[in-house]
């Protein structure tokens, strides 16, 4: 009788379900995946008061994986689909109920900060709880590491599709940064607002530091 090789038993840690907490909550749990969403006014846009919906998602932001063919080869499988559904469900719990998308038809502007985890070795005495970075690490805030910023943006936009706006095609402007967090934890901050720039303002931004006679 042939011998059967039995490998070591592997134990997998089960992920805890997403918990949602509002900003004005008195008790904050560390396991929460979405801290809150609030309505504020941004007065920097030409003196106009524009509602800004702000999200903060704790933990590493997933990157959109490449679609793969399904087993029957007639459909395409999205490897990131399950994680996007979890994030979308967590975001939906902190949005106004019964109103559909925050911006159903209007153009949308996104501001995104992907705050990558700060390695423990960059803190003084390797003590992340102190929050004190080494002197030579304070200026190194740019995170030139994987995942790619465009893949993280695609994942976040797909998760907010139907919640922030009815469709991704409404996004007219995106400003994003991938930087190191000042803490030993990762987070993603997203500001969603209506795109209110005029055509002249958009063209002026494009022609900044360029010759005026360029034919667009």
C-alpha atoms as a PDB file:
ATOM      1  CA  UNK A   1       0.000   0.000   0.000  1.00  0.00           C
ATOM      2  CA  UNK A   2       1.537   3.301  -1.033  1.00  0.00           C
ATOM      3  CA  UNK A   3       2.306   5.774   1.701  1.00  0.00           C
ATOM      4  CA  UNK A   4       0.349   9.030   1.734  1.00  0.00           C
ATOM      5  CA  UNK A   5       2.272  12.126   2.676  1.00  0.00           C
ATOM      6  CA  UNK A   6       0.296  14.319   5.031  1.00  0.00           C
ATOM      7  CA  UNK A   7       1.352  17.953   5.251  1.00  0.00           C
ATOM      8  CA  UNK A   8       1.159  20.148   8.333  1.00  0.00           C
ATOM      9  CA  UNK A   9      -2.258  21.419   9.334  1.00  0.00           C
ATOM     10  CA  UNK A  10      -2.722  25.066   8.460  1.00  0.00           C
ATOM     11  CA  UNK A  11      -4.787  27.428  10.522  1.00  0.00           C
ATOM     12  CA  UNK A  12      -6.301  30.425   8.753  1.00  0.00           C
ATOM     13  CA  UNK A  13      -7.325  33.529  10.664  1.00  0.00           C
ATOM     14  CA  UNK A  14     -10.922  34.507   9.966  1.00  0.00           C
ATOM     15  CA  UNK A  15     -11.529  38.137   9.111  1.00  0.00           C
ATOM     16  CA  UNK A  16     -13.877  39.990  11.417  1.00  0.00           C
ATOM     17  CA  UNK A  17     -16.989  41.532   9.852  1.00  0.00           C
ATOM     18  CA  UNK A  18     -16.839  45.209   8.948  1.00  0.00           C
ATOM     19  CA  UNK A  19     -18.046  47.567  11.626  1.00  0.00           C
ATOM     20  CA  UNK A  20     -19.125  51.133  10.954  1.00  0.00           C
ATOM     21  CA  UNK A  21     -18.824  54.010  13.415  1.00  0.00           C
ATOM     22  CA  UNK A  22     -19.984  57.614  13.063  1.00  0.00           C
ATOM     23  CA  UNK A  23     -17.700  60.537  13.888  1.00  0.00           C
ATOM     24  CA  UNK A  24     -19.866  61.744  16.742  1.00  0.00           C
ATOM     25  CA  UNK A  25     -19.965  58.319  18.372  1.00  0.00           C
ATOM     26  CA  UNK A  26     -18.798  58.253  21.971  1.00  0.00           C
ATOM     27  CA  UNK A  27     -17.212  54.824  21.685  1.00  0.00           C
ATOM     28  CA  UNK A  28     -14.761  54.008  18.918  1.00  0.00           C
ATOM     29  CA  UNK A  29     -13.733  50.442  18.154  1.00  0.00           C
ATOM     30  CA  UNK A  30     -10.358  49.652  16.630  1.00  0.00           C
ATOM     31  CA  UNK A  31     -11.811  46.980  14.360  1.00  0.00           C
ATOM     32  CA  UNK A  32     -13.969  49.445  12.418  1.00  0.00           C
ATOM     33  CA  UNK A  33     -13.250  49.577   8.698  1.00  0.00           C
ATOM     34  CA  UNK A  34     -15.048  52.852   7.879  1.00  0.00           C
ATOM     35  CA  UNK A  35     -14.848  55.611  10.460  1.00  0.00           C
ATOM     36  CA  UNK A  36     -17.524  57.951   9.166  1.00  0.00           C
ATOM     37  CA  UNK A  37     -18.961  60.193   6.499  1.00  0.00           C
ATOM     38  CA  UNK A  38     -19.840  63.820   7.210  1.00  0.00           C
ATOM     39  CA  UNK A  39     -21.180  66.793   5.262  1.00  0.00           C
ATOM     40  CA  UNK A  40     -18.987  69.887   5.317  1.00  0.00           C
ATOM     41  CA  UNK A  41     -18.654  73.000   3.177  1.00  0.00           C
ATOM     42  CA  UNK A  42     -15.623  73.771   1.070  1.00  0.00           C
ATOM     43  CA  UNK A  43     -15.327  77.546   0.712  1.00  0.00           C
ATOM     44  CA  UNK A  44     -12.182  77.434  -1.423  1.00  0.00           C
ATOM     45  CA  UNK A  45     -14.033  76.846  -4.686  1.00  0.00           C
ATOM     46  CA  UNK A  46     -14.586  80.404  -5.801  1.00  0.00           C
ATOM     47  CA  UNK A  47     -16.304  81.364  -2.562  1.00  0.00           C
ATOM     48  CA  UNK A  48     -19.042  78.793  -3.140  1.00  0.00           C
ATOM     49  CA  UNK A  49     -20.275  76.555  -0.360  1.00  0.00           C
ATOM     50  CA  UNK A  50     -20.092  73.052  -1.785  1.00  0.00           C
ATOM     51  CA  UNK A  51     -21.133  70.004   0.281  1.00  0.00           C
ATOM     52  CA  UNK A  52     -18.210  67.622   0.744  1.00  0.00           C
ATOM     53  CA  UNK A  53     -18.814  64.032   1.770  1.00  0.00           C
ATOM     54  CA  UNK A  54     -15.783  62.645   3.568  1.00  0.00           C
ATOM     55  CA  UNK A  55     -14.921  58.997   4.087  1.00  0.00           C
ATOM     56  CA  UNK A  56     -12.072  57.462   6.042  1.00  0.00           C
ATOM     57  CA  UNK A  57     -11.418  53.760   5.519  1.00  0.00           C
ATOM     58  CA  UNK A  58      -9.021  52.112   7.926  1.00  0.00           C
ATOM     59  CA  UNK A  59      -6.550  49.495   6.794  1.00  0.00           C
ATOM     60  CA  UNK A  60      -4.717  48.890   3.548  1.00  0.00           C
ATOM     61  CA  UNK A  61      -6.586  49.788   0.382  1.00  0.00           C
ATOM     62  CA  UNK A  62      -6.925  46.845  -1.952  1.00  0.00           C
ATOM     63  CA  UNK A  63      -5.772  47.152  -5.541  1.00  0.00           C
ATOM     64  CA  UNK A  64      -7.970  46.209  -8.458  1.00  0.00           C
ATOM     65  CA  UNK A  65      -6.783  42.808  -9.680  1.00  0.00           C
ATOM     66  CA  UNK A  66      -6.806  41.832 -13.314  1.00  0.00           C
ATOM     67  CA  UNK A  67     -10.021  40.089 -14.423  1.00  0.00           C
ATOM     68  CA  UNK A  68      -9.679  36.368 -15.045  1.00  0.00           C
ATOM     69  CA  UNK A  69     -11.730  34.070 -17.272  1.00  0.00           C
ATOM     70  CA  UNK A  70     -14.246  31.939 -15.419  1.00  0.00           C
ATOM     71  CA  UNK A  71     -14.212  28.163 -15.591  1.00  0.00           C
ATOM     72  CA  UNK A  72     -16.753  28.060 -18.394  1.00  0.00           C
ATOM     73  CA  UNK A  73     -14.709  30.712 -20.298  1.00  0.00           C
ATOM     74  CA  UNK A  74     -17.945  32.530 -21.181  1.00  0.00           C
ATOM     75  CA  UNK A  75     -17.727  34.984 -18.319  1.00  0.00           C
ATOM     76  CA  UNK A  76     -15.040  37.057 -16.644  1.00  0.00           C
ATOM     77  CA  UNK A  77     -14.257  36.647 -12.947  1.00  0.00           C
ATOM     78  CA  UNK A  78     -13.296  39.688 -10.851  1.00  0.00           C
ATOM     79  CA  UNK A  79     -10.825  38.577  -8.139  1.00  0.00           C
ATOM     80  CA  UNK A  80     -11.451  41.836  -6.245  1.00  0.00           C
ATOM     81  CA  UNK A  81     -15.236  41.543  -6.368  1.00  0.00           C
ATOM     82  CA  UNK A  82     -15.730  40.127  -2.866  1.00  0.00           C
ATOM     83  CA  UNK A  83     -13.566  42.758  -1.165  1.00  0.00           C
ATOM     84  CA  UNK A  84     -15.316  45.538  -3.098  1.00  0.00           C
ATOM     85  CA  UNK A  85     -18.705  44.278  -1.944  1.00  0.00           C
ATOM     86  CA  UNK A  86     -17.528  44.299   1.684  1.00  0.00           C
ATOM     87  CA  UNK A  87     -16.247  47.864   1.395  1.00  0.00           C
ATOM     88  CA  UNK A  88     -19.371  49.032  -0.442  1.00  0.00           C
ATOM     89  CA  UNK A  89     -21.581  47.567   2.292  1.00  0.00           C
ATOM     90  CA  UNK A  90     -19.560  49.326   4.989  1.00  0.00           C
ATOM     91  CA  UNK A  91     -19.725  52.682   3.176  1.00  0.00           C
ATOM     92  CA  UNK A  92     -23.453  52.325   2.526  1.00  0.00           C
ATOM     93  CA  UNK A  93     -24.120  52.057   6.261  1.00  0.00           C
ATOM     94  CA  UNK A  94     -22.843  55.592   6.894  1.00  0.00           C
ATOM     95  CA  UNK A  95     -24.591  57.281   3.965  1.00  0.00           C
ATOM     96  CA  UNK A  96     -28.099  58.814   4.125  1.00  0.00           C
ATOM     97  CA  UNK A  97     -30.764  56.167   3.796  1.00  0.00           C
ATOM     98  CA  UNK A  98     -33.351  56.104   1.035  1.00  0.00           C
ATOM     99  CA  UNK A  99     -31.704  58.796  -1.122  1.00  0.00           C
ATOM    100  CA  UNK A 100     -29.791  56.631  -3.553  1.00  0.00           C
ATOM    101  CA  UNK A 101     -26.462  57.992  -4.752  1.00  0.00           C
ATOM    102  CA  UNK A 102     -25.133  61.159  -3.148  1.00  0.00           C
ATOM    103  CA  UNK A 103     -24.757  62.713  -6.612  1.00  0.00           C
ATOM    104  CA  UNK A 104     -27.232  60.992  -8.960  1.00  0.00           C
ATOM    105  CA  UNK A 105     -26.556  62.975 -12.154  1.00  0.00           C
ATOM    106  CA  UNK A 106     -24.154  65.859 -11.466  1.00  0.00           C
ATOM    107  CA  UNK A 107     -20.422  65.705 -12.292  1.00  0.00           C
ATOM    108  CA  UNK A 108     -18.260  64.647  -9.360  1.00  0.00           C
ATOM    109  CA  UNK A 109     -14.815  65.610  -8.081  1.00  0.00           C
ATOM    110  CA  UNK A 110     -12.745  63.190  -6.000  1.00  0.00           C
ATOM    111  CA  UNK A 111      -9.846  63.901  -3.674  1.00  0.00           C
ATOM    112  CA  UNK A 112      -8.124  60.739  -2.470  1.00  0.00           C
ATOM    113  CA  UNK A 113      -5.280  60.205  -0.033  1.00  0.00           C
ATOM    114  CA  UNK A 114      -3.844  56.689   0.101  1.00  0.00           C
ATOM    115  CA  UNK A 115      -1.957  56.744   3.405  1.00  0.00           C
ATOM    116  CA  UNK A 116       0.411  53.794   3.450  1.00  0.00           C
ATOM    117  CA  UNK A 117       1.600  52.155   6.636  1.00  0.00           C
ATOM    118  CA  UNK A 118       4.719  53.614   8.245  1.00  0.00           C
ATOM    119  CA  UNK A 119       7.275  50.856   8.981  1.00  0.00           C
ATOM    120  CA  UNK A 120       8.035  50.363  12.657  1.00  0.00           C
ATOM    121  CA  UNK A 121      11.762  50.719  11.982  1.00  0.00           C
ATOM    122  CA  UNK A 122      11.197  54.388  11.025  1.00  0.00           C
ATOM    123  CA  UNK A 123      10.098  55.296  14.553  1.00  0.00           C
ATOM    124  CA  UNK A 124      12.466  56.309  17.340  1.00  0.00           C
ATOM    125  CA  UNK A 125      13.385  53.210  19.298  1.00  0.00           C
ATOM    126  CA  UNK A 126      11.106  51.185  17.008  1.00  0.00           C
ATOM    127  CA  UNK A 127       8.223  52.359  19.206  1.00  0.00           C
ATOM    128  CA  UNK A 128       5.272  53.128  16.932  1.00  0.00           C
ATOM    129  CA  UNK A 129       3.047  54.072  19.881  1.00  0.00           C
ATOM    130  CA  UNK A 130       5.181  57.144  20.573  1.00  0.00           C
ATOM    131  CA  UNK A 131       4.453  58.573  17.128  1.00  0.00           C
ATOM    132  CA  UNK A 132       7.966  60.034  16.898  1.00  0.00           C
ATOM    133  CA  UNK A 133       9.696  59.411  13.590  1.00  0.00           C
ATOM    134  CA  UNK A 134      13.440  59.374  13.143  1.00  0.00           C
ATOM    135  CA  UNK A 135      14.947  62.675  12.022  1.00  0.00           C
ATOM    136  CA  UNK A 136      15.991  61.299   8.635  1.00  0.00           C
ATOM    137  CA  UNK A 137      12.544  59.813   8.025  1.00  0.00           C
ATOM    138  CA  UNK A 138      10.374  62.882   8.546  1.00  0.00           C
ATOM    139  CA  UNK A 139      11.019  64.144   5.012  1.00  0.00           C
ATOM    140  CA  UNK A 140      10.526  60.729   3.360  1.00  0.00           C
ATOM    141  CA  UNK A 141       6.755  60.802   3.148  1.00  0.00           C
ATOM    142  CA  UNK A 142       6.374  59.694  -0.486  1.00  0.00           C
ATOM    143  CA  UNK A 143       5.472  56.007  -0.733  1.00  0.00           C
ATOM    144  CA  UNK A 144       7.014  54.592  -3.910  1.00  0.00           C
ATOM    145  CA  UNK A 145       5.790  51.092  -3.157  1.00  0.00           C
ATOM    146  CA  UNK A 146       3.154  48.725  -4.448  1.00  0.00           C
ATOM    147  CA  UNK A 147       0.266  48.559  -5.067  1.00  0.00           C
ATOM    148  CA  UNK A 148      -0.012  51.024  -7.941  1.00  0.00           C
ATOM    149  CA  UNK A 149      -2.026  54.137  -7.250  1.00  0.00           C
ATOM    150  CA  UNK A 150      -4.254  53.727 -10.323  1.00  0.00           C
ATOM    151  CA  UNK A 151      -5.268  50.213  -9.268  1.00  0.00           C
ATOM    152  CA  UNK A 152      -6.162  51.429  -5.771  1.00  0.00           C
ATOM    153  CA  UNK A 153      -8.204  54.266  -7.266  1.00  0.00           C
ATOM    154  CA  UNK A 154     -10.102  51.845  -9.516  1.00  0.00           C
ATOM    155  CA  UNK A 155     -10.896  49.601  -6.542  1.00  0.00           C
ATOM    156  CA  UNK A 156     -12.161  52.540  -4.456  1.00  0.00           C
ATOM    157  CA  UNK A 157     -14.258  53.989  -7.275  1.00  0.00           C
ATOM    158  CA  UNK A 158     -15.881  50.624  -8.002  1.00  0.00           C
ATOM    159  CA  UNK A 159     -16.723  50.205  -4.302  1.00  0.00           C
ATOM    160  CA  UNK A 160     -18.376  53.654  -4.184  1.00  0.00           C
ATOM    161  CA  UNK A 161     -20.212  53.151  -7.462  1.00  0.00           C
ATOM    162  CA  UNK A 162     -23.916  53.614  -6.825  1.00  0.00           C
ATOM    163  CA  UNK A 163     -23.219  55.223  -3.440  1.00  0.00           C
ATOM    164  CA  UNK A 164     -21.194  58.366  -4.141  1.00  0.00           C
ATOM    165  CA  UNK A 165     -22.450  58.673  -7.723  1.00  0.00           C
ATOM    166  CA  UNK A 166     -24.691  56.649  -9.985  1.00  0.00           C
ATOM    167  CA  UNK A 167     -21.861  55.726 -12.360  1.00  0.00           C
ATOM    168  CA  UNK A 168     -18.104  56.207 -12.627  1.00  0.00           C
ATOM    169  CA  UNK A 169     -18.561  58.234 -15.797  1.00  0.00           C
ATOM    170  CA  UNK A 170     -19.736  61.163 -13.630  1.00  0.00           C
ATOM    171  CA  UNK A 171     -16.234  61.598 -12.161  1.00  0.00           C
ATOM    172  CA  UNK A 172     -14.820  64.649 -13.926  1.00  0.00           C
ATOM    173  CA  UNK A 173     -11.781  65.408 -11.758  1.00  0.00           C
ATOM    174  CA  UNK A 174      -9.551  63.302  -9.513  1.00  0.00           C
ATOM    175  CA  UNK A 175      -6.745  64.505  -7.248  1.00  0.00           C
ATOM    176  CA  UNK A 176      -4.910  61.720  -5.449  1.00  0.00           C
ATOM    177  CA  UNK A 177      -1.820  61.166  -3.345  1.00  0.00           C
ATOM    178  CA  UNK A 178       0.017  58.045  -2.171  1.00  0.00           C
ATOM    179  CA  UNK A 179       1.982  58.993   0.919  1.00  0.00           C
ATOM    180  CA  UNK A 180       3.280  57.505   4.142  1.00  0.00           C
ATOM    181  CA  UNK A 181       1.078  57.835   7.180  1.00  0.00           C
ATOM    182  CA  UNK A 182       2.569  59.365  10.309  1.00  0.00           C
ATOM    183  CA  UNK A 183       1.358  56.288  12.204  1.00  0.00           C
ATOM    184  CA  UNK A 184       2.102  52.596  11.889  1.00  0.00           C
ATOM    185  CA  UNK A 185      -1.252  51.980  10.244  1.00  0.00           C
ATOM    186  CA  UNK A 186      -2.745  52.438   6.805  1.00  0.00           C
ATOM    187  CA  UNK A 187      -5.867  54.382   5.870  1.00  0.00           C
ATOM    188  CA  UNK A 188      -7.641  55.855   2.860  1.00  0.00           C
ATOM    189  CA  UNK A 189      -9.365  59.247   2.921  1.00  0.00           C
ATOM    190  CA  UNK A 190     -11.818  60.160   0.161  1.00  0.00           C
ATOM    191  CA  UNK A 191     -13.569  63.510  -0.323  1.00  0.00           C
ATOM    192  CA  UNK A 192     -16.509  63.506  -2.723  1.00  0.00           C
ATOM    193  CA  UNK A 193     -18.061  66.747  -3.939  1.00  0.00           C
ATOM    194  CA  UNK A 194     -19.819  68.187  -6.954  1.00  0.00           C
ATOM    195  CA  UNK A 195     -17.527  69.377  -9.735  1.00  0.00           C
ATOM    196  CA  UNK A 196     -18.253  73.109 -10.008  1.00  0.00           C
ATOM    197  CA  UNK A 197     -15.307  74.439 -12.021  1.00  0.00           C
ATOM    198  CA  UNK A 198     -16.123  76.415 -15.122  1.00  0.00           C
ATOM    199  CA  UNK A 199     -14.673  75.619 -18.528  1.00  0.00           C
ATOM    200  CA  UNK A 200     -12.353  78.610 -18.286  1.00  0.00           C
ATOM    201  CA  UNK A 201     -11.011  77.468 -14.918  1.00  0.00           C
ATOM    202  CA  UNK A 202     -10.341  73.957 -16.199  1.00  0.00           C
ATOM    203  CA  UNK A 203      -8.515  75.304 -19.264  1.00  0.00           C
ATOM    204  CA  UNK A 204      -6.463  77.719 -17.155  1.00  0.00           C
ATOM    205  CA  UNK A 205      -5.270  74.830 -14.999  1.00  0.00           C
ATOM    206  CA  UNK A 206      -4.196  72.902 -18.072  1.00  0.00           C
ATOM    207  CA  UNK A 207      -2.349  75.866 -19.586  1.00  0.00           C
ATOM    208  CA  UNK A 208      -0.543  76.772 -16.403  1.00  0.00           C
ATOM    209  CA  UNK A 209       3.128  77.554 -17.175  1.00  0.00           C
ATOM    210  CA  UNK A 210       2.491  76.939 -20.899  1.00  0.00           C
ATOM    211  CA  UNK A 211       2.354  79.318 -23.814  1.00  0.00           C
ATOM    212  CA  UNK A 212      -0.922  81.101 -24.377  1.00  0.00           C
ATOM    213  CA  UNK A 213      -1.003  80.455 -28.115  1.00  0.00           C
ATOM    214  CA  UNK A 214      -1.240  76.663 -27.800  1.00  0.00           C
ATOM    215  CA  UNK A 215      -4.109  75.359 -29.862  1.00  0.00           C
ATOM    216  CA  UNK A 216      -6.157  72.963 -27.821  1.00  0.00           C
END
